[in-house]
N, C-alpha and C. Protein backbone atom coordinates (compact mmCIF):
# COMPACT_ATOMS: atom_id res chain seq x y z
N MET A 1 -27.43 67.20 10.79
CA MET A 1 -27.97 66.37 9.71
C MET A 1 -26.86 65.91 8.76
N LYS A 2 -25.87 66.82 8.51
CA LYS A 2 -24.78 66.45 7.61
C LYS A 2 -24.01 65.28 8.16
N TYR A 3 -23.73 65.33 9.49
CA TYR A 3 -22.96 64.26 10.10
C TYR A 3 -23.73 62.93 10.05
N ARG A 4 -25.07 63.03 10.28
CA ARG A 4 -25.89 61.82 10.23
C ARG A 4 -25.89 61.22 8.83
N ALA A 5 -25.99 62.08 7.81
CA ALA A 5 -25.99 61.62 6.43
C ALA A 5 -24.66 60.95 6.09
N VAL A 6 -23.57 61.57 6.55
CA VAL A 6 -22.25 61.00 6.30
C VAL A 6 -22.12 59.64 6.97
N ALA A 7 -22.66 59.52 8.20
CA ALA A 7 -22.59 58.26 8.92
C ALA A 7 -23.35 57.16 8.19
N VAL A 8 -24.53 57.55 7.67
CA VAL A 8 -25.34 56.57 6.94
C VAL A 8 -24.60 56.09 5.69
N VAL A 9 -23.98 57.02 4.97
CA VAL A 9 -23.23 56.68 3.76
C VAL A 9 -22.07 55.75 4.10
N CYS A 10 -21.37 56.08 5.22
CA CYS A 10 -20.22 55.27 5.62
C CYS A 10 -20.65 53.85 5.96
N VAL A 11 -21.77 53.73 6.70
CA VAL A 11 -22.28 52.40 7.05
C VAL A 11 -22.65 51.62 5.79
N ALA A 12 -23.30 52.33 4.85
CA ALA A 12 -23.71 51.68 3.61
C ALA A 12 -22.50 51.19 2.83
N LEU A 13 -21.45 52.04 2.77
CA LEU A 13 -20.25 51.66 2.05
C LEU A 13 -19.54 50.48 2.71
N LEU A 14 -19.51 50.51 4.04
CA LEU A 14 -18.90 49.39 4.77
C LEU A 14 -19.67 48.09 4.51
N GLY A 15 -20.99 48.22 4.49
CA GLY A 15 -21.80 47.04 4.21
C GLY A 15 -21.55 46.51 2.81
N LEU A 16 -21.42 47.43 1.86
CA LEU A 16 -21.15 47.03 0.49
C LEU A 16 -19.78 46.37 0.38
N ALA A 17 -18.81 46.92 1.10
CA ALA A 17 -17.47 46.34 1.10
C ALA A 17 -17.51 44.92 1.66
N GLY A 18 -18.31 44.75 2.71
CA GLY A 18 -18.44 43.42 3.30
C GLY A 18 -19.03 42.44 2.31
N LEU A 19 -20.04 42.89 1.55
CA LEU A 19 -20.65 42.03 0.55
C LEU A 19 -19.65 41.67 -0.54
N CYS A 20 -18.82 42.64 -0.92
CA CYS A 20 -17.83 42.41 -1.96
C CYS A 20 -16.81 41.37 -1.49
N VAL A 21 -16.38 41.50 -0.24
CA VAL A 21 -15.44 40.54 0.31
C VAL A 21 -16.06 39.15 0.34
N PHE A 22 -17.33 39.09 0.77
CA PHE A 22 -18.04 37.81 0.83
C PHE A 22 -18.16 37.20 -0.56
N ALA A 23 -18.49 38.07 -1.55
CA ALA A 23 -18.63 37.58 -2.92
C ALA A 23 -17.31 37.04 -3.44
N ALA A 24 -16.22 37.77 -3.11
CA ALA A 24 -14.91 37.33 -3.55
C ALA A 24 -14.54 35.99 -2.94
N GLN A 25 -14.86 35.85 -1.66
CA GLN A 25 -14.58 34.59 -1.00
C GLN A 25 -15.44 33.47 -1.60
N GLY A 26 -16.69 33.79 -1.88
CA GLY A 26 -17.60 32.79 -2.43
C GLY A 26 -17.19 32.33 -3.82
N SER A 27 -16.45 33.18 -4.54
CA SER A 27 -16.04 32.82 -5.89
C SER A 27 -14.74 32.03 -5.90
N ASP A 28 -14.13 31.79 -4.75
CA ASP A 28 -12.90 31.02 -4.66
C ASP A 28 -13.22 29.55 -4.95
N LYS A 29 -12.73 29.05 -6.08
CA LYS A 29 -13.11 27.70 -6.50
C LYS A 29 -12.49 26.62 -5.64
N THR A 30 -11.58 26.98 -4.76
CA THR A 30 -11.00 25.99 -3.86
C THR A 30 -11.64 26.02 -2.47
N SER A 31 -12.59 26.92 -2.27
CA SER A 31 -13.23 27.01 -0.95
C SER A 31 -14.19 25.84 -0.74
N PRO A 32 -14.33 25.36 0.49
CA PRO A 32 -15.26 24.26 0.77
C PRO A 32 -16.69 24.59 0.34
N GLU A 33 -17.09 25.86 0.50
CA GLU A 33 -18.45 26.26 0.15
C GLU A 33 -18.68 26.15 -1.35
N PHE A 34 -17.72 26.66 -2.13
CA PHE A 34 -17.87 26.60 -3.58
C PHE A 34 -17.87 25.16 -4.06
N ARG A 35 -16.96 24.37 -3.52
CA ARG A 35 -16.85 22.98 -3.96
C ARG A 35 -18.10 22.18 -3.61
N LYS A 36 -18.65 22.41 -2.44
CA LYS A 36 -19.88 21.70 -2.05
C LYS A 36 -21.01 22.06 -3.00
N GLN A 37 -21.13 23.34 -3.32
CA GLN A 37 -22.18 23.77 -4.24
C GLN A 37 -21.96 23.15 -5.63
N PHE A 38 -20.70 23.12 -6.07
CA PHE A 38 -20.38 22.54 -7.38
C PHE A 38 -20.75 21.07 -7.42
N VAL A 39 -20.39 20.34 -6.39
CA VAL A 39 -20.70 18.91 -6.32
C VAL A 39 -22.20 18.68 -6.24
N ASP A 40 -22.87 19.46 -5.39
CA ASP A 40 -24.32 19.30 -5.23
C ASP A 40 -25.09 19.59 -6.52
N ASN A 41 -24.57 20.53 -7.33
CA ASN A 41 -25.26 20.93 -8.56
C ASN A 41 -24.70 20.26 -9.80
N PHE A 42 -23.81 19.29 -9.62
CA PHE A 42 -23.17 18.61 -10.75
C PHE A 42 -24.23 17.90 -11.60
N LYS A 43 -24.16 18.10 -12.92
CA LYS A 43 -25.12 17.48 -13.82
C LYS A 43 -24.63 16.07 -14.17
N ARG A 44 -25.05 15.12 -13.37
CA ARG A 44 -24.61 13.74 -13.56
C ARG A 44 -25.39 13.05 -14.68
N THR A 45 -24.74 12.06 -15.26
CA THR A 45 -25.40 11.18 -16.23
C THR A 45 -25.42 9.77 -15.63
N GLY A 46 -25.99 8.84 -16.37
CA GLY A 46 -26.05 7.47 -15.88
C GLY A 46 -24.69 6.82 -15.74
N LEU A 47 -23.67 7.40 -16.38
CA LEU A 47 -22.32 6.83 -16.29
C LEU A 47 -21.59 7.29 -15.03
N ASN A 48 -22.04 8.38 -14.44
CA ASN A 48 -21.39 8.88 -13.23
C ASN A 48 -21.75 8.04 -12.01
N THR A 49 -20.84 7.97 -11.07
CA THR A 49 -21.14 7.31 -9.82
C THR A 49 -22.15 8.13 -9.03
N THR A 50 -22.86 7.51 -8.11
CA THR A 50 -23.88 8.21 -7.34
C THR A 50 -23.22 9.07 -6.26
N PRO A 51 -23.93 10.08 -5.73
CA PRO A 51 -23.36 10.90 -4.66
C PRO A 51 -22.94 10.09 -3.44
N GLY A 52 -23.75 9.11 -3.07
CA GLY A 52 -23.40 8.28 -1.91
C GLY A 52 -22.14 7.49 -2.13
N ASP A 53 -22.01 6.89 -3.31
CA ASP A 53 -20.81 6.13 -3.64
C ASP A 53 -19.60 7.04 -3.75
N ALA A 54 -19.79 8.22 -4.34
CA ALA A 54 -18.68 9.17 -4.49
C ALA A 54 -18.17 9.61 -3.12
N MET A 55 -19.08 9.84 -2.19
CA MET A 55 -18.66 10.22 -0.85
C MET A 55 -17.95 9.06 -0.16
N MET A 56 -18.41 7.85 -0.39
CA MET A 56 -17.73 6.69 0.17
C MET A 56 -16.30 6.60 -0.35
N LEU A 57 -16.11 6.84 -1.64
CA LEU A 57 -14.77 6.85 -2.22
C LEU A 57 -13.90 7.91 -1.57
N ARG A 58 -14.46 9.08 -1.37
CA ARG A 58 -13.71 10.17 -0.73
C ARG A 58 -13.27 9.77 0.67
N ILE A 59 -14.17 9.18 1.41
CA ILE A 59 -13.87 8.76 2.78
C ILE A 59 -12.81 7.66 2.79
N LEU A 60 -12.92 6.71 1.86
CA LEU A 60 -11.95 5.62 1.80
C LEU A 60 -10.55 6.14 1.51
N VAL A 61 -10.43 7.09 0.57
CA VAL A 61 -9.12 7.67 0.25
C VAL A 61 -8.53 8.35 1.48
N GLU A 62 -9.37 9.12 2.16
CA GLU A 62 -8.88 9.84 3.34
C GLU A 62 -8.53 8.88 4.48
N ALA A 63 -9.37 7.88 4.70
CA ALA A 63 -9.14 6.93 5.79
C ALA A 63 -7.86 6.13 5.55
N ALA A 64 -7.59 5.80 4.29
CA ALA A 64 -6.39 5.04 3.96
C ALA A 64 -5.15 5.94 3.86
N ARG A 65 -5.37 7.26 3.90
CA ARG A 65 -4.29 8.22 3.70
C ARG A 65 -3.56 7.92 2.40
N ALA A 66 -4.34 7.60 1.36
CA ALA A 66 -3.78 7.20 0.07
C ALA A 66 -3.03 8.35 -0.58
N LYS A 67 -1.96 8.01 -1.28
CA LYS A 67 -1.12 9.01 -1.93
C LYS A 67 -1.13 8.92 -3.45
N ARG A 68 -1.31 7.71 -3.98
CA ARG A 68 -1.28 7.52 -5.44
C ARG A 68 -2.45 6.63 -5.84
N GLY A 69 -3.40 7.24 -6.56
CA GLY A 69 -4.61 6.51 -6.92
C GLY A 69 -4.86 6.46 -8.41
N VAL A 70 -5.63 5.47 -8.82
CA VAL A 70 -6.01 5.31 -10.23
C VAL A 70 -7.50 5.05 -10.31
N GLU A 71 -8.16 5.77 -11.20
CA GLU A 71 -9.57 5.53 -11.50
C GLU A 71 -9.67 5.04 -12.94
N VAL A 72 -10.32 3.92 -13.16
CA VAL A 72 -10.53 3.40 -14.51
C VAL A 72 -11.99 3.68 -14.87
N GLY A 73 -12.19 4.68 -15.73
CA GLY A 73 -13.54 5.10 -16.11
C GLY A 73 -13.87 6.46 -15.52
N SER A 74 -13.59 7.52 -16.27
CA SER A 74 -13.77 8.88 -15.75
C SER A 74 -15.20 9.38 -15.86
N ALA A 75 -15.91 8.95 -16.93
CA ALA A 75 -17.19 9.58 -17.30
C ALA A 75 -16.93 11.08 -17.44
N SER A 76 -17.65 11.93 -16.72
CA SER A 76 -17.38 13.37 -16.81
C SER A 76 -16.69 13.91 -15.56
N GLY A 77 -16.23 13.01 -14.70
CA GLY A 77 -15.37 13.44 -13.61
C GLY A 77 -15.99 13.60 -12.24
N PHE A 78 -17.22 13.12 -12.05
CA PHE A 78 -17.86 13.30 -10.74
C PHE A 78 -17.10 12.52 -9.66
N GLY A 79 -16.76 11.27 -9.95
CA GLY A 79 -15.98 10.49 -8.99
C GLY A 79 -14.60 11.06 -8.79
N ALA A 80 -13.96 11.49 -9.89
CA ALA A 80 -12.62 12.05 -9.82
C ALA A 80 -12.58 13.31 -8.96
N ILE A 81 -13.63 14.12 -9.06
CA ILE A 81 -13.69 15.33 -8.24
C ILE A 81 -13.76 14.97 -6.76
N ASN A 82 -14.63 14.04 -6.41
CA ASN A 82 -14.77 13.65 -5.01
C ASN A 82 -13.50 13.01 -4.47
N MET A 83 -12.90 12.11 -5.25
CA MET A 83 -11.64 11.52 -4.82
C MET A 83 -10.52 12.55 -4.84
N GLY A 84 -10.57 13.47 -5.81
CA GLY A 84 -9.55 14.51 -5.89
C GLY A 84 -9.51 15.38 -4.65
N ILE A 85 -10.67 15.70 -4.11
CA ILE A 85 -10.72 16.49 -2.87
C ILE A 85 -9.99 15.74 -1.76
N ALA A 86 -10.21 14.43 -1.71
CA ALA A 86 -9.55 13.62 -0.68
C ALA A 86 -8.05 13.54 -0.92
N PHE A 87 -7.63 13.33 -2.17
CA PHE A 87 -6.20 13.25 -2.47
C PHE A 87 -5.51 14.59 -2.21
N GLU A 88 -6.20 15.67 -2.41
CA GLU A 88 -5.64 16.98 -2.08
C GLU A 88 -5.35 17.06 -0.58
N ARG A 89 -6.26 16.53 0.21
CA ARG A 89 -6.09 16.56 1.67
C ARG A 89 -4.96 15.65 2.13
N THR A 90 -4.75 14.53 1.42
CA THR A 90 -3.68 13.60 1.82
C THR A 90 -2.34 13.98 1.21
N GLY A 91 -2.35 14.99 0.32
CA GLY A 91 -1.12 15.36 -0.37
C GLY A 91 -0.77 14.39 -1.48
N GLY A 92 -1.78 13.70 -2.01
CA GLY A 92 -1.55 12.68 -3.02
C GLY A 92 -1.95 13.11 -4.41
N HIS A 93 -2.08 12.13 -5.31
CA HIS A 93 -2.42 12.40 -6.70
C HIS A 93 -3.26 11.25 -7.25
N LEU A 94 -4.19 11.60 -8.14
CA LEU A 94 -5.07 10.62 -8.78
C LEU A 94 -4.91 10.70 -10.29
N TRP A 95 -4.82 9.54 -10.93
CA TRP A 95 -4.87 9.44 -12.39
C TRP A 95 -6.22 8.83 -12.76
N THR A 96 -6.99 9.52 -13.61
CA THR A 96 -8.29 9.00 -14.04
C THR A 96 -8.23 8.73 -15.53
N LEU A 97 -8.66 7.52 -15.94
CA LEU A 97 -8.47 7.05 -17.30
C LEU A 97 -9.81 6.85 -18.00
N ASP A 98 -9.88 7.25 -19.27
CA ASP A 98 -11.09 7.00 -20.05
C ASP A 98 -10.74 6.97 -21.53
N ILE A 99 -11.42 6.10 -22.26
CA ILE A 99 -11.17 5.94 -23.69
C ILE A 99 -11.91 6.99 -24.52
N ASP A 100 -12.92 7.63 -23.94
CA ASP A 100 -13.77 8.58 -24.66
C ASP A 100 -13.17 9.99 -24.59
N PRO A 101 -12.79 10.58 -25.73
CA PRO A 101 -12.21 11.93 -25.71
C PRO A 101 -13.13 12.98 -25.11
N THR A 102 -14.44 12.84 -25.35
CA THR A 102 -15.39 13.80 -24.78
C THR A 102 -15.42 13.70 -23.27
N ALA A 103 -15.39 12.48 -22.76
CA ALA A 103 -15.38 12.28 -21.31
C ALA A 103 -14.13 12.89 -20.69
N ILE A 104 -12.99 12.71 -21.32
CA ILE A 104 -11.74 13.28 -20.80
C ILE A 104 -11.79 14.79 -20.84
N ARG A 105 -12.31 15.36 -21.92
CA ARG A 105 -12.40 16.82 -22.02
C ARG A 105 -13.30 17.38 -20.92
N GLU A 106 -14.47 16.76 -20.73
CA GLU A 106 -15.39 17.23 -19.69
C GLU A 106 -14.78 17.06 -18.31
N THR A 107 -14.08 15.96 -18.10
CA THR A 107 -13.44 15.73 -16.81
C THR A 107 -12.41 16.81 -16.53
N ARG A 108 -11.58 17.13 -17.50
CA ARG A 108 -10.57 18.18 -17.32
C ARG A 108 -11.20 19.53 -17.05
N GLU A 109 -12.28 19.83 -17.76
CA GLU A 109 -12.97 21.11 -17.54
C GLU A 109 -13.55 21.18 -16.13
N ASN A 110 -14.16 20.09 -15.68
CA ASN A 110 -14.75 20.08 -14.35
C ASN A 110 -13.69 20.14 -13.25
N LEU A 111 -12.57 19.48 -13.47
CA LEU A 111 -11.48 19.53 -12.49
C LEU A 111 -10.92 20.94 -12.39
N ALA A 112 -10.76 21.61 -13.54
CA ALA A 112 -10.25 22.98 -13.54
C ALA A 112 -11.23 23.93 -12.87
N ALA A 113 -12.52 23.68 -13.07
CA ALA A 113 -13.54 24.56 -12.50
C ALA A 113 -13.54 24.53 -10.98
N ILE A 114 -13.01 23.45 -10.42
CA ILE A 114 -13.03 23.30 -8.96
C ILE A 114 -11.61 23.34 -8.37
N GLY A 115 -10.63 23.67 -9.22
CA GLY A 115 -9.27 23.87 -8.76
C GLY A 115 -8.52 22.61 -8.41
N LEU A 116 -8.83 21.52 -9.11
CA LEU A 116 -8.16 20.24 -8.83
C LEU A 116 -7.31 19.74 -10.00
N GLU A 117 -7.05 20.61 -10.97
CA GLU A 117 -6.33 20.16 -12.16
C GLU A 117 -4.89 19.73 -11.87
N ASN A 118 -4.33 20.19 -10.75
CA ASN A 118 -2.97 19.78 -10.39
C ASN A 118 -2.95 18.56 -9.48
N VAL A 119 -4.12 18.14 -9.03
CA VAL A 119 -4.23 16.99 -8.13
C VAL A 119 -4.66 15.75 -8.90
N VAL A 120 -5.43 15.93 -9.96
CA VAL A 120 -5.96 14.82 -10.75
C VAL A 120 -5.51 14.98 -12.20
N THR A 121 -4.92 13.92 -12.75
CA THR A 121 -4.51 13.90 -14.16
C THR A 121 -5.46 13.01 -14.94
N ALA A 122 -6.10 13.58 -15.97
CA ALA A 122 -7.02 12.81 -16.82
C ALA A 122 -6.25 12.27 -18.02
N VAL A 123 -6.28 10.96 -18.19
CA VAL A 123 -5.51 10.29 -19.24
C VAL A 123 -6.46 9.70 -20.27
N GLU A 124 -6.29 10.11 -21.53
CA GLU A 124 -7.15 9.61 -22.61
C GLU A 124 -6.58 8.35 -23.22
N GLY A 125 -7.45 7.36 -23.46
CA GLY A 125 -7.02 6.14 -24.13
C GLY A 125 -7.62 4.91 -23.49
N ASP A 126 -7.45 3.78 -24.16
CA ASP A 126 -7.92 2.49 -23.67
C ASP A 126 -7.14 2.14 -22.40
N ALA A 127 -7.85 1.91 -21.31
CA ALA A 127 -7.19 1.64 -20.03
C ALA A 127 -6.30 0.40 -20.09
N LEU A 128 -6.65 -0.55 -20.95
CA LEU A 128 -5.81 -1.73 -21.08
C LEU A 128 -4.44 -1.38 -21.65
N LYS A 129 -4.33 -0.22 -22.30
CA LYS A 129 -3.05 0.24 -22.84
C LYS A 129 -2.42 1.33 -21.96
N THR A 130 -3.25 2.15 -21.30
CA THR A 130 -2.70 3.26 -20.51
C THR A 130 -2.34 2.85 -19.08
N LEU A 131 -3.01 1.82 -18.55
CA LEU A 131 -2.69 1.39 -17.19
C LEU A 131 -1.22 1.02 -17.02
N PRO A 132 -0.61 0.32 -17.97
CA PRO A 132 0.80 -0.01 -17.80
C PRO A 132 1.73 1.21 -17.74
N THR A 133 1.25 2.36 -18.19
CA THR A 133 2.10 3.57 -18.18
C THR A 133 2.08 4.28 -16.83
N ILE A 134 1.15 3.91 -15.95
CA ILE A 134 1.07 4.55 -14.63
C ILE A 134 2.10 3.90 -13.71
N GLU A 135 3.00 4.70 -13.18
CA GLU A 135 4.04 4.17 -12.32
C GLU A 135 3.51 3.87 -10.92
N GLY A 136 4.07 2.85 -10.32
CA GLY A 136 3.72 2.51 -8.95
C GLY A 136 4.64 3.21 -7.96
N PRO A 137 4.44 3.02 -6.67
CA PRO A 137 3.38 2.17 -6.12
C PRO A 137 2.02 2.86 -6.16
N ILE A 138 0.97 2.04 -6.20
CA ILE A 138 -0.40 2.53 -6.19
C ILE A 138 -1.06 2.03 -4.91
N ASP A 139 -1.74 2.94 -4.21
CA ASP A 139 -2.39 2.51 -2.96
C ASP A 139 -3.90 2.70 -2.96
N PHE A 140 -4.46 3.12 -4.10
CA PHE A 140 -5.93 3.22 -4.19
C PHE A 140 -6.35 3.05 -5.64
N VAL A 141 -7.37 2.23 -5.88
CA VAL A 141 -7.87 1.98 -7.23
C VAL A 141 -9.39 1.98 -7.21
N PHE A 142 -9.99 2.65 -8.18
CA PHE A 142 -11.44 2.59 -8.37
C PHE A 142 -11.70 2.17 -9.81
N ILE A 143 -12.40 1.05 -9.98
CA ILE A 143 -12.69 0.50 -11.31
C ILE A 143 -14.17 0.67 -11.63
N ASP A 144 -14.44 1.37 -12.73
CA ASP A 144 -15.83 1.61 -13.14
C ASP A 144 -15.86 1.80 -14.65
N ALA A 145 -15.48 0.77 -15.38
CA ALA A 145 -15.43 0.86 -16.84
C ALA A 145 -16.09 -0.39 -17.43
N VAL A 146 -15.49 -0.97 -18.46
CA VAL A 146 -16.07 -2.16 -19.11
C VAL A 146 -16.10 -3.31 -18.12
N LYS A 147 -17.29 -3.79 -17.81
CA LYS A 147 -17.47 -4.77 -16.73
C LYS A 147 -16.70 -6.07 -16.98
N GLN A 148 -16.72 -6.53 -18.22
CA GLN A 148 -16.04 -7.79 -18.55
C GLN A 148 -14.52 -7.68 -18.41
N ASP A 149 -14.01 -6.46 -18.34
CA ASP A 149 -12.56 -6.26 -18.29
C ASP A 149 -12.03 -5.95 -16.88
N TYR A 150 -12.88 -6.01 -15.89
CA TYR A 150 -12.43 -5.66 -14.53
C TYR A 150 -11.21 -6.48 -14.11
N PHE A 151 -11.25 -7.79 -14.36
CA PHE A 151 -10.14 -8.65 -13.95
C PHE A 151 -8.86 -8.29 -14.72
N LYS A 152 -9.01 -7.93 -15.99
CA LYS A 152 -7.86 -7.52 -16.79
C LYS A 152 -7.24 -6.24 -16.22
N TYR A 153 -8.10 -5.28 -15.85
CA TYR A 153 -7.60 -4.04 -15.26
C TYR A 153 -6.80 -4.35 -13.99
N LEU A 154 -7.38 -5.18 -13.14
CA LEU A 154 -6.73 -5.49 -11.88
C LEU A 154 -5.38 -6.16 -12.10
N LYS A 155 -5.32 -7.12 -13.00
CA LYS A 155 -4.08 -7.85 -13.20
C LYS A 155 -2.99 -6.95 -13.78
N LEU A 156 -3.38 -5.93 -14.55
CA LEU A 156 -2.40 -5.00 -15.09
C LEU A 156 -1.79 -4.13 -14.00
N ILE A 157 -2.59 -3.77 -13.02
CA ILE A 157 -2.11 -2.85 -11.99
C ILE A 157 -1.69 -3.55 -10.71
N GLU A 158 -2.06 -4.81 -10.56
CA GLU A 158 -1.79 -5.53 -9.31
C GLU A 158 -0.30 -5.56 -8.93
N PRO A 159 0.62 -5.75 -9.86
CA PRO A 159 2.03 -5.76 -9.47
C PRO A 159 2.51 -4.43 -8.87
N LYS A 160 1.76 -3.36 -9.11
CA LYS A 160 2.15 -2.04 -8.61
C LYS A 160 1.46 -1.69 -7.29
N LEU A 161 0.55 -2.55 -6.83
CA LEU A 161 -0.19 -2.26 -5.60
C LEU A 161 0.71 -2.44 -4.39
N SER A 162 0.66 -1.47 -3.51
CA SER A 162 1.43 -1.56 -2.27
C SER A 162 0.63 -2.34 -1.23
N PRO A 163 1.30 -2.97 -0.27
CA PRO A 163 0.55 -3.61 0.83
C PRO A 163 -0.34 -2.57 1.52
N GLY A 164 -1.58 -2.94 1.79
CA GLY A 164 -2.52 -2.00 2.38
C GLY A 164 -3.30 -1.20 1.36
N ALA A 165 -3.07 -1.46 0.07
CA ALA A 165 -3.81 -0.75 -0.97
C ALA A 165 -5.29 -1.13 -0.92
N VAL A 166 -6.12 -0.19 -1.31
CA VAL A 166 -7.58 -0.41 -1.36
C VAL A 166 -8.01 -0.42 -2.83
N VAL A 167 -8.75 -1.46 -3.21
CA VAL A 167 -9.26 -1.57 -4.58
C VAL A 167 -10.78 -1.62 -4.52
N VAL A 168 -11.42 -0.70 -5.21
CA VAL A 168 -12.88 -0.60 -5.20
C VAL A 168 -13.41 -0.86 -6.61
N ALA A 169 -14.35 -1.77 -6.73
CA ALA A 169 -14.99 -2.06 -8.02
C ALA A 169 -16.46 -1.68 -7.94
N ASP A 170 -16.94 -0.96 -8.94
CA ASP A 170 -18.33 -0.47 -8.94
C ASP A 170 -19.25 -1.43 -9.69
N ASN A 171 -20.55 -1.32 -9.37
CA ASN A 171 -21.62 -2.07 -10.06
C ASN A 171 -21.48 -3.59 -9.91
N THR A 172 -21.01 -4.02 -8.76
CA THR A 172 -20.70 -5.45 -8.59
C THR A 172 -21.90 -6.29 -8.16
N ILE A 173 -23.04 -5.68 -8.01
CA ILE A 173 -24.26 -6.45 -7.74
C ILE A 173 -25.03 -6.65 -9.04
N GLN A 174 -25.34 -5.56 -9.73
CA GLN A 174 -26.11 -5.65 -10.97
C GLN A 174 -25.31 -6.32 -12.09
N SER A 175 -24.00 -6.18 -12.08
CA SER A 175 -23.16 -6.72 -13.16
C SER A 175 -22.27 -7.85 -12.68
N ALA A 176 -22.71 -8.56 -11.65
CA ALA A 176 -21.88 -9.62 -11.06
C ALA A 176 -21.50 -10.69 -12.08
N ARG A 177 -22.42 -11.07 -12.95
CA ARG A 177 -22.12 -12.12 -13.93
C ARG A 177 -21.01 -11.69 -14.89
N ALA A 178 -21.07 -10.43 -15.32
CA ALA A 178 -20.11 -9.94 -16.30
C ALA A 178 -18.69 -9.90 -15.74
N MET A 179 -18.58 -9.78 -14.42
CA MET A 179 -17.26 -9.67 -13.80
C MET A 179 -17.00 -10.82 -12.83
N LYS A 180 -17.56 -11.98 -13.13
CA LYS A 180 -17.45 -13.13 -12.23
C LYS A 180 -15.99 -13.50 -11.96
N ASP A 181 -15.15 -13.43 -13.00
CA ASP A 181 -13.75 -13.79 -12.79
C ASP A 181 -13.07 -12.83 -11.81
N TYR A 182 -13.42 -11.55 -11.90
CA TYR A 182 -12.87 -10.56 -10.97
C TYR A 182 -13.33 -10.85 -9.54
N LEU A 183 -14.63 -11.04 -9.38
CA LEU A 183 -15.18 -11.25 -8.04
C LEU A 183 -14.68 -12.55 -7.42
N ASP A 184 -14.61 -13.60 -8.22
CA ASP A 184 -14.08 -14.87 -7.70
C ASP A 184 -12.66 -14.69 -7.20
N TYR A 185 -11.90 -13.91 -7.92
CA TYR A 185 -10.49 -13.72 -7.56
C TYR A 185 -10.33 -12.95 -6.24
N VAL A 186 -10.96 -11.77 -6.15
CA VAL A 186 -10.74 -10.96 -4.95
C VAL A 186 -11.43 -11.55 -3.71
N GLN A 187 -12.48 -12.33 -3.94
CA GLN A 187 -13.19 -12.93 -2.80
C GLN A 187 -12.50 -14.19 -2.28
N ASN A 188 -11.67 -14.82 -3.10
CA ASN A 188 -11.04 -16.08 -2.70
C ASN A 188 -9.52 -16.00 -2.53
N SER A 189 -8.92 -14.94 -3.02
CA SER A 189 -7.48 -14.83 -2.90
C SER A 189 -7.07 -14.56 -1.45
N PRO A 190 -6.02 -15.24 -0.95
CA PRO A 190 -5.55 -14.98 0.40
C PRO A 190 -4.86 -13.62 0.53
N ASP A 191 -4.66 -12.95 -0.60
CA ASP A 191 -3.98 -11.65 -0.59
C ASP A 191 -4.94 -10.49 -0.33
N TYR A 192 -6.25 -10.77 -0.29
CA TYR A 192 -7.23 -9.68 -0.15
C TYR A 192 -8.28 -10.00 0.91
N ASP A 193 -8.67 -8.98 1.64
CA ASP A 193 -9.92 -9.00 2.41
C ASP A 193 -10.94 -8.24 1.59
N THR A 194 -12.13 -8.83 1.39
CA THR A 194 -13.08 -8.25 0.45
C THR A 194 -14.49 -8.24 1.02
N VAL A 195 -15.22 -7.15 0.75
CA VAL A 195 -16.61 -7.05 1.16
C VAL A 195 -17.37 -6.25 0.10
N THR A 196 -18.63 -6.58 -0.11
CA THR A 196 -19.49 -5.82 -1.01
C THR A 196 -20.47 -5.00 -0.18
N ILE A 197 -20.58 -3.70 -0.49
CA ILE A 197 -21.43 -2.80 0.28
C ILE A 197 -22.38 -2.04 -0.64
N ARG A 198 -23.41 -1.50 -0.02
CA ARG A 198 -24.31 -0.56 -0.71
C ARG A 198 -24.28 0.74 0.08
N SER A 199 -23.64 1.75 -0.49
CA SER A 199 -23.63 3.06 0.17
C SER A 199 -24.64 4.00 -0.48
N SER A 200 -25.32 3.50 -1.52
CA SER A 200 -26.35 4.28 -2.21
C SER A 200 -27.36 3.31 -2.81
N MET A 201 -28.65 3.67 -2.74
CA MET A 201 -29.69 2.85 -3.33
C MET A 201 -30.20 3.45 -4.64
N GLU A 202 -29.54 4.49 -5.11
CA GLU A 202 -30.01 5.20 -6.30
C GLU A 202 -30.08 4.28 -7.52
N LYS A 203 -29.07 3.40 -7.69
CA LYS A 203 -29.05 2.49 -8.82
C LYS A 203 -29.32 1.05 -8.40
N ASN A 204 -29.68 0.86 -7.14
CA ASN A 204 -29.92 -0.48 -6.62
C ASN A 204 -28.73 -1.40 -6.90
N ASP A 205 -27.53 -0.85 -6.66
CA ASP A 205 -26.31 -1.57 -6.97
C ASP A 205 -25.34 -1.45 -5.79
N GLY A 206 -24.11 -1.86 -5.98
CA GLY A 206 -23.16 -1.79 -4.89
C GLY A 206 -21.72 -1.77 -5.38
N MET A 207 -20.79 -1.66 -4.42
CA MET A 207 -19.37 -1.64 -4.71
C MET A 207 -18.69 -2.74 -3.90
N THR A 208 -17.68 -3.35 -4.50
CA THR A 208 -16.89 -4.35 -3.80
C THR A 208 -15.55 -3.74 -3.42
N ILE A 209 -15.23 -3.76 -2.13
CA ILE A 209 -14.01 -3.14 -1.61
C ILE A 209 -13.04 -4.23 -1.18
N SER A 210 -11.84 -4.17 -1.68
CA SER A 210 -10.81 -5.15 -1.36
C SER A 210 -9.60 -4.45 -0.74
N TYR A 211 -9.09 -5.04 0.32
CA TYR A 211 -7.89 -4.54 1.00
C TYR A 211 -6.76 -5.51 0.72
N LYS A 212 -5.68 -5.00 0.14
CA LYS A 212 -4.54 -5.87 -0.20
C LYS A 212 -3.70 -6.12 1.05
N ILE A 213 -3.67 -7.36 1.50
CA ILE A 213 -3.00 -7.71 2.74
C ILE A 213 -1.48 -7.68 2.56
N LYS A 214 -1.01 -8.18 1.45
CA LYS A 214 0.44 -8.23 1.22
C LYS A 214 0.78 -8.09 -0.25
């Protein structure tokens, strides 16, 4: 009976040790499981991009093997997190810009919570002033800020775009009028191949993706 009792205790302890190891692994903020749960449970607001669009951004970064990216409009960092995961995989870096101090603080907190603070840099300030401080070359851009300023953002960063760079503009269906100058430019310029897609129906909107030919 003593040996049986000892065996039972040993099995129980081994099982507990296994649970502890599992718990430790589950608490690793860089693990795919933790990150998926964090993204799935992210408390989004109306300013955040949708999950479908965020995943499209992640895929685009990875497919382009982008190394240096810029996001104009951080909100609380949902898009930056998704793109950050992709930039981590490509060995690249993302700069995310926002004029709202609260948005930048929340973005930094969320990036740290998921272990991406060294992959994504959150920059506070008016993007029309901070964009010129980002050094090139840039091979990925996501614009999701003041709609009337999309063309201004692009023209500030365009000289730094490398051939083959991907430029993504959000809300280009619902806000097409506000950014008409931007859309006219990327749709008619011989320097870009451009298409508008809907990867999410959550906001009944879409994104315009442009590939810089030269």
